[in-house]
Amino acid sequence: MNLYPVIALVLLAGIFITGCVQQVPPPNQEIPPTEVVITTPSPALEDELINQSEEPVLADKTKDIIPVRTLIEDTPLPAPTQDPNLAFRDLVHGKLDLIQEGKNKVISAWKAEDPALTGSLVADLRHDIRNNNDASTFPKKMDYVRVNYYDFIDRMIQFADNFGQAASLTERGENSSAHSYVSAGIMAGDRADISDKRIRVFLRDHPMLL
């Protein structure tokens, strides 16, 4: 009988049995628990971590910020102070021009042979005279202007009264009597023109009296 094949089978069986025994773990052996190591970060590391966690939040907030432009209002510059001499001259000239314009309208209406319009314009002239007859506020250095201005006002009142009477008489058909009033009115107007001219010449020759 050949023994070699039998010996080989015995060896193979032994190797197989040994391998199976090594793969089975012992029944009472315990698996040691895994230790978890927790490390506490240093204060410097905590600050760095906090800063890193906050930076994205701040970056997100800045995206929603809309810059607001501050409107700067222009401060108005103070108006230059007007020369008192020029202001007074303009004031007096304005009063004289207004009343003279009313006088010329009355004369034009009379020459147009319209007594009704003449009477209406006389009423307007009287209104302008009443609103501009006060020269008490004129400066003391302008006494000459004040005196002549009052004379101008008195002459213009006479002019208005005479033309008003002439217009009334004409409407009633009393033309002969009306012409005498017109003559007196024209004379009063001429004397008012003299006072007007004196005032204007004085203001022209004394531009810096105030």
N, C-alpha and C. Protein backbone atom coordinates (compact mmCIF):
# COMPACT_ATOMS: atom_id res chain seq x y z
N MET A 1 0.86 -1.19 0.00
CA MET A 1 0.00 0.00 0.00
C MET A 1 0.89 1.22 0.00
N ASN A 2 0.50 2.27 -0.74
CA ASN A 2 1.29 3.49 -0.84
C ASN A 2 0.89 4.43 0.27
N LEU A 3 1.87 4.83 1.14
CA LEU A 3 1.58 5.63 2.33
C LEU A 3 1.62 7.13 2.03
N TYR A 4 2.22 7.56 0.96
CA TYR A 4 2.38 9.00 0.73
C TYR A 4 1.07 9.72 0.51
N PRO A 5 0.17 9.20 -0.23
CA PRO A 5 -1.10 9.91 -0.37
C PRO A 5 -1.86 10.01 0.93
N VAL A 6 -1.74 9.07 1.76
CA VAL A 6 -2.45 9.09 3.04
C VAL A 6 -1.86 10.16 3.94
N ILE A 7 -0.53 10.27 3.94
CA ILE A 7 0.13 11.28 4.78
C ILE A 7 -0.25 12.67 4.31
N ALA A 8 -0.32 12.86 3.01
CA ALA A 8 -0.68 14.19 2.47
C ALA A 8 -2.08 14.58 2.86
N LEU A 9 -2.99 13.65 2.86
CA LEU A 9 -4.37 13.95 3.24
C LEU A 9 -4.44 14.31 4.71
N VAL A 10 -3.66 13.63 5.53
CA VAL A 10 -3.66 13.93 6.97
C VAL A 10 -3.13 15.32 7.22
N LEU A 11 -2.06 15.72 6.51
CA LEU A 11 -1.50 17.06 6.70
C LEU A 11 -2.48 18.14 6.27
N LEU A 12 -3.14 17.95 5.16
CA LEU A 12 -4.12 18.95 4.68
C LEU A 12 -5.26 19.10 5.65
N ALA A 13 -5.70 17.97 6.20
CA ALA A 13 -6.79 18.06 7.18
C ALA A 13 -6.37 18.80 8.42
N GLY A 14 -5.11 18.62 8.83
CA GLY A 14 -4.62 19.34 10.02
C GLY A 14 -4.53 20.85 9.80
N ILE A 15 -4.06 21.23 8.62
CA ILE A 15 -3.95 22.68 8.31
C ILE A 15 -5.32 23.33 8.28
N PHE A 16 -6.28 22.63 7.72
CA PHE A 16 -7.64 23.17 7.62
C PHE A 16 -8.25 23.37 9.00
N ILE A 17 -8.07 22.41 9.86
CA ILE A 17 -8.63 22.49 11.22
C ILE A 17 -7.97 23.62 12.00
N THR A 18 -6.67 23.81 11.84
CA THR A 18 -5.94 24.87 12.56
C THR A 18 -6.43 26.24 12.14
N GLY A 19 -6.67 26.46 10.85
CA GLY A 19 -7.16 27.76 10.37
C GLY A 19 -8.52 28.10 10.90
N CYS A 20 -9.42 27.14 11.00
CA CYS A 20 -10.77 27.41 11.50
C CYS A 20 -10.75 27.78 12.96
N VAL A 21 -9.84 27.14 13.70
CA VAL A 21 -9.77 27.43 15.14
C VAL A 21 -9.27 28.84 15.39
N GLN A 22 -8.31 29.35 14.59
CA GLN A 22 -7.75 30.70 14.77
C GLN A 22 -8.74 31.78 14.40
N GLN A 23 -9.69 31.57 13.50
CA GLN A 23 -10.64 32.60 13.08
C GLN A 23 -11.75 32.83 14.09
N VAL A 24 -12.05 31.87 14.98
CA VAL A 24 -13.14 32.03 15.96
C VAL A 24 -12.59 32.75 17.17
N PRO A 25 -13.14 33.90 17.59
CA PRO A 25 -12.62 34.62 18.76
C PRO A 25 -12.99 33.91 20.02
N PRO A 26 -12.19 34.03 21.04
CA PRO A 26 -12.50 33.40 22.32
C PRO A 26 -13.81 33.96 22.85
N PRO A 27 -14.65 33.15 23.48
CA PRO A 27 -15.99 33.56 23.89
C PRO A 27 -16.01 34.59 24.99
N ASN A 28 -15.10 34.63 25.89
CA ASN A 28 -15.15 35.52 27.06
C ASN A 28 -14.29 36.75 26.90
N GLN A 29 -13.71 36.99 25.73
CA GLN A 29 -12.82 38.15 25.54
C GLN A 29 -13.65 39.41 25.32
N GLU A 30 -13.43 40.52 26.07
CA GLU A 30 -14.14 41.80 25.96
C GLU A 30 -13.38 42.76 25.07
N ILE A 31 -14.15 43.56 24.27
CA ILE A 31 -13.53 44.56 23.38
C ILE A 31 -13.34 45.84 24.18
N PRO A 32 -12.12 46.31 24.31
CA PRO A 32 -11.87 47.53 25.12
C PRO A 32 -12.56 48.74 24.51
N PRO A 33 -13.19 49.59 25.33
CA PRO A 33 -13.88 50.80 24.81
C PRO A 33 -12.90 51.78 24.22
N THR A 34 -13.39 52.49 23.19
CA THR A 34 -12.55 53.49 22.52
C THR A 34 -12.61 54.80 23.30
N GLU A 35 -11.47 55.36 23.64
CA GLU A 35 -11.40 56.61 24.40
C GLU A 35 -11.45 57.79 23.44
N VAL A 36 -12.33 58.77 23.79
CA VAL A 36 -12.45 60.00 22.99
C VAL A 36 -11.78 61.12 23.75
N VAL A 37 -10.81 61.70 23.17
CA VAL A 37 -10.04 62.77 23.82
C VAL A 37 -10.61 64.12 23.41
N ILE A 38 -11.09 64.91 24.40
CA ILE A 38 -11.65 66.24 24.14
C ILE A 38 -10.64 67.26 24.61
N THR A 39 -10.21 68.08 23.70
CA THR A 39 -9.21 69.11 24.04
C THR A 39 -9.90 70.47 24.10
N THR A 40 -9.58 71.26 25.11
CA THR A 40 -10.13 72.61 25.28
C THR A 40 -9.25 73.61 24.54
N PRO A 41 -9.81 74.38 23.59
CA PRO A 41 -8.95 75.33 22.85
C PRO A 41 -8.48 76.45 23.75
N SER A 42 -7.35 76.99 23.44
CA SER A 42 -6.79 78.10 24.21
C SER A 42 -7.61 79.37 23.96
N PRO A 43 -7.54 80.37 24.90
CA PRO A 43 -8.28 81.64 24.69
C PRO A 43 -7.96 82.31 23.38
N ALA A 44 -6.71 82.31 22.96
CA ALA A 44 -6.35 82.94 21.68
C ALA A 44 -7.02 82.25 20.53
N LEU A 45 -7.08 80.88 20.63
CA LEU A 45 -7.73 80.12 19.56
C LEU A 45 -9.22 80.38 19.55
N GLU A 46 -9.83 80.56 20.78
CA GLU A 46 -11.28 80.86 20.84
C GLU A 46 -11.59 82.19 20.16
N ASP A 47 -10.76 83.22 20.45
CA ASP A 47 -10.99 84.53 19.81
C ASP A 47 -10.90 84.43 18.31
N GLU A 48 -9.92 83.63 17.83
CA GLU A 48 -9.77 83.50 16.38
C GLU A 48 -10.96 82.81 15.76
N LEU A 49 -11.47 81.77 16.48
CA LEU A 49 -12.64 81.05 15.97
C LEU A 49 -13.86 81.94 15.97
N ILE A 50 -14.03 82.77 17.04
CA ILE A 50 -15.19 83.67 17.11
C ILE A 50 -15.13 84.68 15.98
N ASN A 51 -13.92 85.22 15.75
CA ASN A 51 -13.80 86.21 14.68
C ASN A 51 -14.09 85.60 13.32
N GLN A 52 -13.63 84.37 13.14
CA GLN A 52 -13.89 83.71 11.86
C GLN A 52 -15.36 83.42 11.66
N SER A 53 -16.09 83.13 12.77
CA SER A 53 -17.52 82.85 12.65
C SER A 53 -18.35 84.10 12.48
N GLU A 54 -17.83 85.25 12.99
CA GLU A 54 -18.61 86.49 12.90
C GLU A 54 -18.38 87.21 11.59
N GLU A 55 -17.22 87.06 10.99
CA GLU A 55 -16.92 87.81 9.78
C GLU A 55 -17.91 87.61 8.66
N PRO A 56 -18.36 86.38 8.38
CA PRO A 56 -19.35 86.23 7.30
C PRO A 56 -20.65 86.93 7.61
N VAL A 57 -21.05 86.98 8.90
CA VAL A 57 -22.31 87.65 9.25
C VAL A 57 -22.21 89.13 9.00
N LEU A 58 -21.06 89.71 9.40
CA LEU A 58 -20.88 91.15 9.17
C LEU A 58 -20.83 91.44 7.68
N ALA A 59 -20.21 90.56 6.95
CA ALA A 59 -20.13 90.78 5.50
C ALA A 59 -21.51 90.74 4.87
N ASP A 60 -22.38 89.85 5.37
CA ASP A 60 -23.74 89.78 4.82
C ASP A 60 -24.53 91.03 5.13
N LYS A 61 -24.32 91.59 6.38
CA LYS A 61 -25.07 92.79 6.76
C LYS A 61 -24.67 93.98 5.93
N THR A 62 -23.37 94.07 5.62
CA THR A 62 -22.93 95.23 4.85
C THR A 62 -23.49 95.23 3.45
N LYS A 63 -23.93 94.08 2.96
CA LYS A 63 -24.50 94.04 1.62
C LYS A 63 -25.83 94.78 1.56
N ASP A 64 -26.56 94.80 2.71
CA ASP A 64 -27.88 95.44 2.72
C ASP A 64 -27.83 96.92 3.03
N ILE A 65 -26.66 97.45 3.38
CA ILE A 65 -26.55 98.86 3.75
C ILE A 65 -26.50 99.70 2.48
N ILE A 66 -27.42 100.64 2.36
CA ILE A 66 -27.48 101.53 1.19
C ILE A 66 -26.95 102.89 1.61
N PRO A 67 -25.92 103.37 0.98
CA PRO A 67 -25.39 104.69 1.39
C PRO A 67 -26.41 105.79 1.14
N VAL A 68 -26.56 106.66 2.13
CA VAL A 68 -27.51 107.77 2.05
C VAL A 68 -26.72 109.05 1.87
N ARG A 69 -27.06 109.78 0.80
CA ARG A 69 -26.39 111.06 0.54
C ARG A 69 -27.03 112.17 1.34
N THR A 70 -26.23 112.90 2.06
CA THR A 70 -26.73 114.02 2.85
C THR A 70 -26.90 115.23 1.95
N LEU A 71 -28.11 115.75 1.91
CA LEU A 71 -28.39 116.91 1.07
C LEU A 71 -27.94 118.17 1.80
N ILE A 72 -27.11 118.94 1.17
CA ILE A 72 -26.62 120.19 1.75
C ILE A 72 -27.35 121.33 1.08
N GLU A 73 -28.17 122.01 1.88
CA GLU A 73 -28.94 123.11 1.32
C GLU A 73 -28.04 124.33 1.15
N ASP A 74 -28.24 125.00 0.03
CA ASP A 74 -27.48 126.21 -0.22
C ASP A 74 -27.95 127.31 0.69
N THR A 75 -27.03 127.87 1.43
CA THR A 75 -27.37 128.98 2.33
C THR A 75 -27.47 130.25 1.51
N PRO A 76 -28.64 130.88 1.50
CA PRO A 76 -28.77 132.10 0.70
C PRO A 76 -27.86 133.19 1.22
N LEU A 77 -27.21 133.86 0.30
CA LEU A 77 -26.34 134.96 0.68
C LEU A 77 -27.17 136.17 1.08
N PRO A 78 -26.72 136.90 2.08
CA PRO A 78 -27.48 138.09 2.48
C PRO A 78 -27.52 139.11 1.36
N ALA A 79 -28.67 139.70 1.18
CA ALA A 79 -28.83 140.69 0.13
C ALA A 79 -28.00 141.94 0.46
N PRO A 80 -27.35 142.48 -0.53
CA PRO A 80 -26.54 143.67 -0.25
C PRO A 80 -27.41 144.83 0.23
N THR A 81 -26.89 145.55 1.20
CA THR A 81 -27.62 146.69 1.76
C THR A 81 -27.73 147.80 0.71
N GLN A 82 -28.96 148.27 0.48
CA GLN A 82 -29.16 149.29 -0.54
C GLN A 82 -28.72 150.64 0.01
N ASP A 83 -28.16 151.43 -0.88
CA ASP A 83 -27.72 152.77 -0.52
C ASP A 83 -28.93 153.60 -0.11
N PRO A 84 -28.93 154.19 1.09
CA PRO A 84 -30.10 154.97 1.52
C PRO A 84 -30.42 156.14 0.61
N ASN A 85 -29.40 156.72 0.00
CA ASN A 85 -29.65 157.83 -0.93
C ASN A 85 -30.43 157.34 -2.15
N LEU A 86 -30.00 156.17 -2.68
CA LEU A 86 -30.69 155.61 -3.83
C LEU A 86 -32.11 155.17 -3.47
N ALA A 87 -32.26 154.60 -2.28
CA ALA A 87 -33.59 154.14 -1.84
C ALA A 87 -34.54 155.32 -1.70
N PHE A 88 -34.07 156.42 -1.13
CA PHE A 88 -34.94 157.59 -0.95
C PHE A 88 -35.30 158.21 -2.30
N ARG A 89 -34.32 158.29 -3.18
CA ARG A 89 -34.58 158.87 -4.51
C ARG A 89 -35.63 158.05 -5.26
N ASP A 90 -35.49 156.73 -5.21
CA ASP A 90 -36.46 155.88 -5.89
C ASP A 90 -37.85 156.02 -5.27
N LEU A 91 -37.91 156.17 -3.95
CA LEU A 91 -39.19 156.34 -3.28
C LEU A 91 -39.90 157.61 -3.74
N VAL A 92 -39.18 158.71 -3.74
CA VAL A 92 -39.78 159.99 -4.12
C VAL A 92 -40.14 160.00 -5.61
N HIS A 93 -39.25 159.50 -6.43
CA HIS A 93 -39.54 159.46 -7.86
C HIS A 93 -40.77 158.60 -8.15
N GLY A 94 -40.91 157.51 -7.42
CA GLY A 94 -42.07 156.65 -7.63
C GLY A 94 -43.38 157.36 -7.30
N LYS A 95 -43.39 158.12 -6.22
CA LYS A 95 -44.59 158.87 -5.84
C LYS A 95 -44.91 159.95 -6.88
N LEU A 96 -43.88 160.68 -7.29
CA LEU A 96 -44.09 161.73 -8.28
C LEU A 96 -44.60 161.16 -9.60
N ASP A 97 -43.98 160.07 -10.05
CA ASP A 97 -44.37 159.47 -11.34
C ASP A 97 -45.80 158.98 -11.31
N LEU A 98 -46.20 158.37 -10.20
CA LEU A 98 -47.56 157.84 -10.10
C LEU A 98 -48.60 158.95 -10.22
N ILE A 99 -48.38 160.03 -9.51
CA ILE A 99 -49.36 161.13 -9.52
C ILE A 99 -49.33 161.86 -10.86
N GLN A 100 -48.15 162.04 -11.43
CA GLN A 100 -48.05 162.70 -12.73
C GLN A 100 -48.74 161.88 -13.81
N GLU A 101 -48.64 160.58 -13.72
CA GLU A 101 -49.32 159.73 -14.69
C GLU A 101 -50.83 159.90 -14.61
N GLY A 102 -51.34 160.00 -13.38
CA GLY A 102 -52.77 160.22 -13.21
C GLY A 102 -53.21 161.56 -13.77
N LYS A 103 -52.40 162.58 -13.58
CA LYS A 103 -52.72 163.91 -14.11
C LYS A 103 -52.78 163.89 -15.64
N ASN A 104 -51.82 163.23 -16.27
CA ASN A 104 -51.79 163.18 -17.73
C ASN A 104 -52.99 162.42 -18.28
N LYS A 105 -53.45 161.39 -17.59
CA LYS A 105 -54.64 160.66 -18.04
C LYS A 105 -55.88 161.54 -18.00
N VAL A 106 -55.99 162.36 -16.96
CA VAL A 106 -57.14 163.26 -16.85
C VAL A 106 -57.16 164.26 -18.01
N ILE A 107 -55.99 164.84 -18.29
CA ILE A 107 -55.91 165.81 -19.38
C ILE A 107 -56.25 165.15 -20.73
N SER A 108 -55.76 163.93 -20.93
CA SER A 108 -56.05 163.22 -22.19
C SER A 108 -57.54 162.94 -22.34
N ALA A 109 -58.19 162.54 -21.26
CA ALA A 109 -59.63 162.27 -21.32
C ALA A 109 -60.42 163.55 -21.58
N TRP A 110 -59.97 164.66 -20.99
CA TRP A 110 -60.67 165.92 -21.24
C TRP A 110 -60.53 166.36 -22.70
N LYS A 111 -59.32 166.21 -23.24
CA LYS A 111 -59.10 166.56 -24.63
C LYS A 111 -59.90 165.66 -25.57
N ALA A 112 -60.19 164.45 -25.14
CA ALA A 112 -61.01 163.52 -25.94
C ALA A 112 -62.49 163.84 -25.81
N GLU A 113 -62.83 164.90 -25.06
CA GLU A 113 -64.21 165.34 -24.85
C GLU A 113 -65.08 164.22 -24.27
N ASP A 114 -64.51 163.57 -23.26
CA ASP A 114 -65.22 162.50 -22.56
C ASP A 114 -65.32 162.89 -21.09
N PRO A 115 -66.35 163.65 -20.71
CA PRO A 115 -66.46 164.13 -19.33
C PRO A 115 -66.66 162.99 -18.33
N ALA A 116 -67.36 161.93 -18.74
CA ALA A 116 -67.57 160.81 -17.81
C ALA A 116 -66.24 160.13 -17.47
N LEU A 117 -65.42 159.87 -18.49
CA LEU A 117 -64.12 159.26 -18.23
C LEU A 117 -63.23 160.21 -17.46
N THR A 118 -63.35 161.52 -17.76
CA THR A 118 -62.55 162.51 -17.02
C THR A 118 -62.88 162.46 -15.54
N GLY A 119 -64.18 162.43 -15.21
CA GLY A 119 -64.58 162.37 -13.81
C GLY A 119 -64.07 161.09 -13.13
N SER A 120 -64.09 159.95 -13.85
CA SER A 120 -63.62 158.68 -13.28
C SER A 120 -62.11 158.73 -13.02
N LEU A 121 -61.36 159.29 -13.96
CA LEU A 121 -59.92 159.38 -13.78
C LEU A 121 -59.54 160.38 -12.69
N VAL A 122 -60.35 161.42 -12.52
CA VAL A 122 -60.12 162.36 -11.42
C VAL A 122 -60.26 161.65 -10.08
N ALA A 123 -61.26 160.76 -9.97
CA ALA A 123 -61.44 159.99 -8.73
C ALA A 123 -60.22 159.10 -8.47
N ASP A 124 -59.69 158.49 -9.51
CA ASP A 124 -58.48 157.67 -9.34
C ASP A 124 -57.30 158.52 -8.91
N LEU A 125 -57.17 159.71 -9.48
CA LEU A 125 -56.07 160.60 -9.13
C LEU A 125 -56.18 161.04 -7.67
N ARG A 126 -57.35 161.36 -7.22
CA ARG A 126 -57.54 161.74 -5.81
C ARG A 126 -57.14 160.59 -4.87
N HIS A 127 -57.45 159.37 -5.29
CA HIS A 127 -57.09 158.20 -4.48
C HIS A 127 -55.57 158.08 -4.37
N ASP A 128 -54.87 158.27 -5.49
CA ASP A 128 -53.40 158.18 -5.47
C ASP A 128 -52.79 159.31 -4.63
N ILE A 129 -53.38 160.48 -4.69
CA ILE A 129 -52.87 161.61 -3.90
C ILE A 129 -53.03 161.33 -2.42
N ARG A 130 -54.20 160.83 -2.01
CA ARG A 130 -54.43 160.54 -0.59
C ARG A 130 -53.45 159.48 -0.06
N ASN A 131 -53.11 158.51 -0.91
CA ASN A 131 -52.20 157.44 -0.46
C ASN A 131 -50.73 157.84 -0.49
N ASN A 132 -50.42 158.99 -1.06
CA ASN A 132 -49.01 159.41 -1.17
C ASN A 132 -48.79 160.86 -0.76
N ASN A 133 -49.62 161.37 0.13
CA ASN A 133 -49.50 162.78 0.50
C ASN A 133 -48.68 163.03 1.76
N ASP A 134 -48.13 161.97 2.37
CA ASP A 134 -47.41 162.14 3.63
C ASP A 134 -45.91 162.18 3.37
N ALA A 135 -45.26 163.30 3.74
CA ALA A 135 -43.81 163.43 3.62
C ALA A 135 -43.15 163.58 4.98
N SER A 136 -43.87 163.25 6.04
CA SER A 136 -43.33 163.43 7.39
C SER A 136 -42.19 162.46 7.69
N THR A 137 -42.11 161.37 6.95
CA THR A 137 -41.05 160.39 7.18
C THR A 137 -39.77 160.71 6.41
N PHE A 138 -39.78 161.77 5.62
CA PHE A 138 -38.58 162.13 4.89
C PHE A 138 -37.47 162.52 5.87
N PRO A 139 -36.20 162.17 5.60
CA PRO A 139 -35.10 162.53 6.52
C PRO A 139 -34.97 164.04 6.68
N LYS A 140 -34.39 164.45 7.80
CA LYS A 140 -34.24 165.88 8.09
C LYS A 140 -33.35 166.57 7.06
N LYS A 141 -32.39 165.85 6.53
CA LYS A 141 -31.52 166.44 5.52
C LYS A 141 -32.25 166.66 4.20
N MET A 142 -33.47 166.16 4.11
CA MET A 142 -34.27 166.33 2.90
C MET A 142 -35.43 167.31 3.14
N ASP A 143 -35.20 168.32 3.95
CA ASP A 143 -36.27 169.31 4.21
C ASP A 143 -36.67 170.03 2.92
N TYR A 144 -35.72 170.32 2.08
CA TYR A 144 -36.04 171.00 0.83
C TYR A 144 -36.98 170.13 -0.01
N VAL A 145 -36.70 168.83 -0.05
CA VAL A 145 -37.56 167.92 -0.79
C VAL A 145 -38.94 167.85 -0.15
N ARG A 146 -38.98 167.83 1.18
CA ARG A 146 -40.27 167.74 1.88
C ARG A 146 -41.15 168.96 1.58
N VAL A 147 -40.57 170.16 1.64
CA VAL A 147 -41.35 171.38 1.42
C VAL A 147 -41.91 171.41 0.00
N ASN A 148 -41.08 171.08 -0.96
CA ASN A 148 -41.54 171.10 -2.35
C ASN A 148 -42.51 169.95 -2.64
N TYR A 149 -42.36 168.85 -1.93
CA TYR A 149 -43.29 167.75 -2.14
C TYR A 149 -44.68 168.11 -1.63
N TYR A 150 -44.75 168.78 -0.48
CA TYR A 150 -46.06 169.22 0.01
C TYR A 150 -46.69 170.24 -0.94
N ASP A 151 -45.86 171.12 -1.51
CA ASP A 151 -46.39 172.07 -2.49
C ASP A 151 -46.90 171.32 -3.73
N PHE A 152 -46.17 170.30 -4.15
CA PHE A 152 -46.60 169.49 -5.28
C PHE A 152 -47.95 168.84 -5.00
N ILE A 153 -48.13 168.29 -3.82
CA ILE A 153 -49.38 167.63 -3.46
C ILE A 153 -50.53 168.65 -3.45
N ASP A 154 -50.29 169.83 -2.87
CA ASP A 154 -51.35 170.85 -2.83
C ASP A 154 -51.78 171.26 -4.23
N ARG A 155 -50.81 171.45 -5.13
CA ARG A 155 -51.14 171.85 -6.50
C ARG A 155 -51.91 170.74 -7.22
N MET A 156 -51.55 169.48 -6.95
CA MET A 156 -52.25 168.38 -7.61
C MET A 156 -53.67 168.22 -7.07
N ILE A 157 -53.88 168.54 -5.80
CA ILE A 157 -55.25 168.52 -5.26
C ILE A 157 -56.10 169.57 -5.97
N GLN A 158 -55.50 170.77 -6.17
CA GLN A 158 -56.23 171.83 -6.88
C GLN A 158 -56.53 171.39 -8.32
N PHE A 159 -55.56 170.75 -8.96
CA PHE A 159 -55.77 170.26 -10.31
C PHE A 159 -56.95 169.29 -10.36
N ALA A 160 -56.96 168.33 -9.46
CA ALA A 160 -58.02 167.31 -9.45
C ALA A 160 -59.38 167.95 -9.16
N ASP A 161 -59.43 168.87 -8.21
CA ASP A 161 -60.71 169.50 -7.87
C ASP A 161 -61.27 170.30 -9.06
N ASN A 162 -60.40 171.03 -9.72
CA ASN A 162 -60.87 171.85 -10.85
C ASN A 162 -61.34 170.99 -12.02
N PHE A 163 -60.61 169.95 -12.36
CA PHE A 163 -61.04 169.10 -13.46
C PHE A 163 -62.26 168.26 -13.09
N GLY A 164 -62.36 167.91 -11.84
CA GLY A 164 -63.56 167.20 -11.41
C GLY A 164 -64.79 168.07 -11.54
N GLN A 165 -64.65 169.35 -11.16
CA GLN A 165 -65.78 170.27 -11.30
C GLN A 165 -66.10 170.52 -12.77
N ALA A 166 -65.08 170.63 -13.60
CA ALA A 166 -65.30 170.85 -15.04
C ALA A 166 -66.03 169.67 -15.67
N ALA A 167 -65.67 168.46 -15.30
CA ALA A 167 -66.34 167.28 -15.86
C ALA A 167 -67.79 167.24 -15.42
N SER A 168 -68.06 167.60 -14.18
CA SER A 168 -69.44 167.58 -13.68
C SER A 168 -70.29 168.62 -14.41
N LEU A 169 -69.73 169.84 -14.61
CA LEU A 169 -70.48 170.89 -15.30
C LEU A 169 -70.72 170.52 -16.76
N THR A 170 -69.76 169.91 -17.40
CA THR A 170 -69.93 169.53 -18.80
C THR A 170 -71.04 168.51 -18.96
N GLU A 171 -71.11 167.54 -18.05
CA GLU A 171 -72.17 166.54 -18.11
C GLU A 171 -73.56 167.19 -17.93
N ARG A 172 -73.61 168.32 -17.25
CA ARG A 172 -74.89 169.02 -17.09
C ARG A 172 -75.14 170.02 -18.22
N GLY A 173 -74.16 170.13 -19.15
CA GLY A 173 -74.33 171.04 -20.28
C GLY A 173 -73.85 172.45 -20.02
N GLU A 174 -73.19 172.72 -18.92
CA GLU A 174 -72.70 174.07 -18.61
C GLU A 174 -71.24 174.18 -19.07
N ASN A 175 -71.06 174.21 -20.37
CA ASN A 175 -69.72 174.18 -20.93
C ASN A 175 -68.92 175.46 -20.66
N SER A 176 -69.57 176.61 -20.70
CA SER A 176 -68.84 177.86 -20.50
C SER A 176 -68.23 177.92 -19.11
N SER A 177 -68.96 177.50 -18.09
CA SER A 177 -68.44 177.51 -16.73
C SER A 177 -67.35 176.44 -16.57
N ALA A 178 -67.52 175.34 -17.30
CA ALA A 178 -66.55 174.25 -17.17
C ALA A 178 -65.17 174.67 -17.66
N HIS A 179 -65.09 175.49 -18.72
CA HIS A 179 -63.80 175.88 -19.27
C HIS A 179 -63.00 176.72 -18.28
N SER A 180 -63.66 177.53 -17.48
CA SER A 180 -62.93 178.33 -16.49
C SER A 180 -62.26 177.42 -15.45
N TYR A 181 -62.94 176.35 -15.07
CA TYR A 181 -62.34 175.40 -14.13
C TYR A 181 -61.17 174.66 -14.77
N VAL A 182 -61.30 174.37 -16.05
CA VAL A 182 -60.20 173.69 -16.73
C VAL A 182 -58.96 174.57 -16.75
N SER A 183 -59.15 175.86 -17.00
CA SER A 183 -58.01 176.78 -17.02
C SER A 183 -57.33 176.82 -15.65
N ALA A 184 -58.13 176.89 -14.59
CA ALA A 184 -57.56 176.90 -13.24
C ALA A 184 -56.84 175.58 -12.94
N GLY A 185 -57.41 174.49 -13.44
CA GLY A 185 -56.78 173.19 -13.21
C GLY A 185 -55.44 173.07 -13.92
N ILE A 186 -55.37 173.55 -15.16
CA ILE A 186 -54.11 173.50 -15.90
C ILE A 186 -53.04 174.34 -15.22
N MET A 187 -53.44 175.52 -14.70
CA MET A 187 -52.49 176.37 -13.99
C MET A 187 -51.96 175.66 -12.75
N ALA A 188 -52.84 174.99 -12.02
CA ALA A 188 -52.40 174.26 -10.82
C ALA A 188 -51.45 173.12 -11.21
N GLY A 189 -51.76 172.46 -12.34
CA GLY A 189 -50.89 171.39 -12.80
C GLY A 189 -49.51 171.89 -13.18
N ASP A 190 -49.43 173.06 -13.80
CA ASP A 190 -48.14 173.62 -14.19
C ASP A 190 -47.29 173.95 -12.95
N ARG A 191 -47.95 174.50 -11.93
CA ARG A 191 -47.22 174.82 -10.70
C ARG A 191 -46.75 173.54 -10.00
N ALA A 192 -47.57 172.48 -10.11
CA ALA A 192 -47.13 171.19 -9.55
C ALA A 192 -45.90 170.67 -10.30
N ASP A 193 -45.86 170.91 -11.60
CA ASP A 193 -44.70 170.48 -12.38
C ASP A 193 -43.44 171.22 -11.94
N ILE A 194 -43.59 172.48 -11.55
CA ILE A 194 -42.42 173.24 -11.08
C ILE A 194 -41.84 172.62 -9.81
N SER A 195 -42.74 172.28 -8.85
CA SER A 195 -42.28 171.64 -7.62
C SER A 195 -41.66 170.27 -7.92
N ASP A 196 -42.26 169.54 -8.84
CA ASP A 196 -41.73 168.23 -9.24
C ASP A 196 -40.30 168.37 -9.76
N LYS A 197 -40.08 169.37 -10.63
CA LYS A 197 -38.76 169.56 -11.21
C LYS A 197 -37.74 169.95 -10.14
N ARG A 198 -38.12 170.82 -9.20
CA ARG A 198 -37.20 171.22 -8.12
C ARG A 198 -36.74 170.00 -7.32
N ILE A 199 -37.67 169.11 -7.04
CA ILE A 199 -37.33 167.91 -6.26
C ILE A 199 -36.35 167.03 -7.03
N ARG A 200 -36.62 166.79 -8.29
CA ARG A 200 -35.76 165.91 -9.08
C ARG A 200 -34.36 166.50 -9.26
N VAL A 201 -34.29 167.80 -9.47
CA VAL A 201 -32.98 168.43 -9.63
C VAL A 201 -32.18 168.36 -8.34
N PHE A 202 -32.85 168.59 -7.21
CA PHE A 202 -32.16 168.54 -5.92
C PHE A 202 -31.61 167.13 -5.66
N LEU A 203 -32.41 166.11 -5.91
CA LEU A 203 -31.95 164.74 -5.68
C LEU A 203 -30.82 164.35 -6.64
N ARG A 204 -30.84 164.94 -7.84
CA ARG A 204 -29.76 164.67 -8.79
C ARG A 204 -28.47 165.34 -8.35
N ASP A 205 -28.57 166.55 -7.85
CA ASP A 205 -27.37 167.31 -7.48
C ASP A 205 -26.83 166.91 -6.10
N HIS A 206 -27.62 166.21 -5.31
CA HIS A 206 -27.16 165.77 -3.97
C HIS A 206 -27.37 164.25 -3.83
N PRO A 207 -26.61 163.49 -4.60
CA PRO A 207 -26.84 162.04 -4.60
C PRO A 207 -26.38 161.33 -3.34
N MET A 208 -25.50 162.00 -2.53
CA MET A 208 -24.96 161.36 -1.34
C MET A 208 -25.22 162.20 -0.10
N LEU A 209 -26.38 162.80 -0.03
CA LEU A 209 -26.68 163.66 1.12
C LEU A 209 -26.97 162.87 2.39
N LEU A 210 -27.53 161.68 2.27
CA LEU A 210 -27.86 160.87 3.44
C LEU A 210 -26.65 160.07 3.92
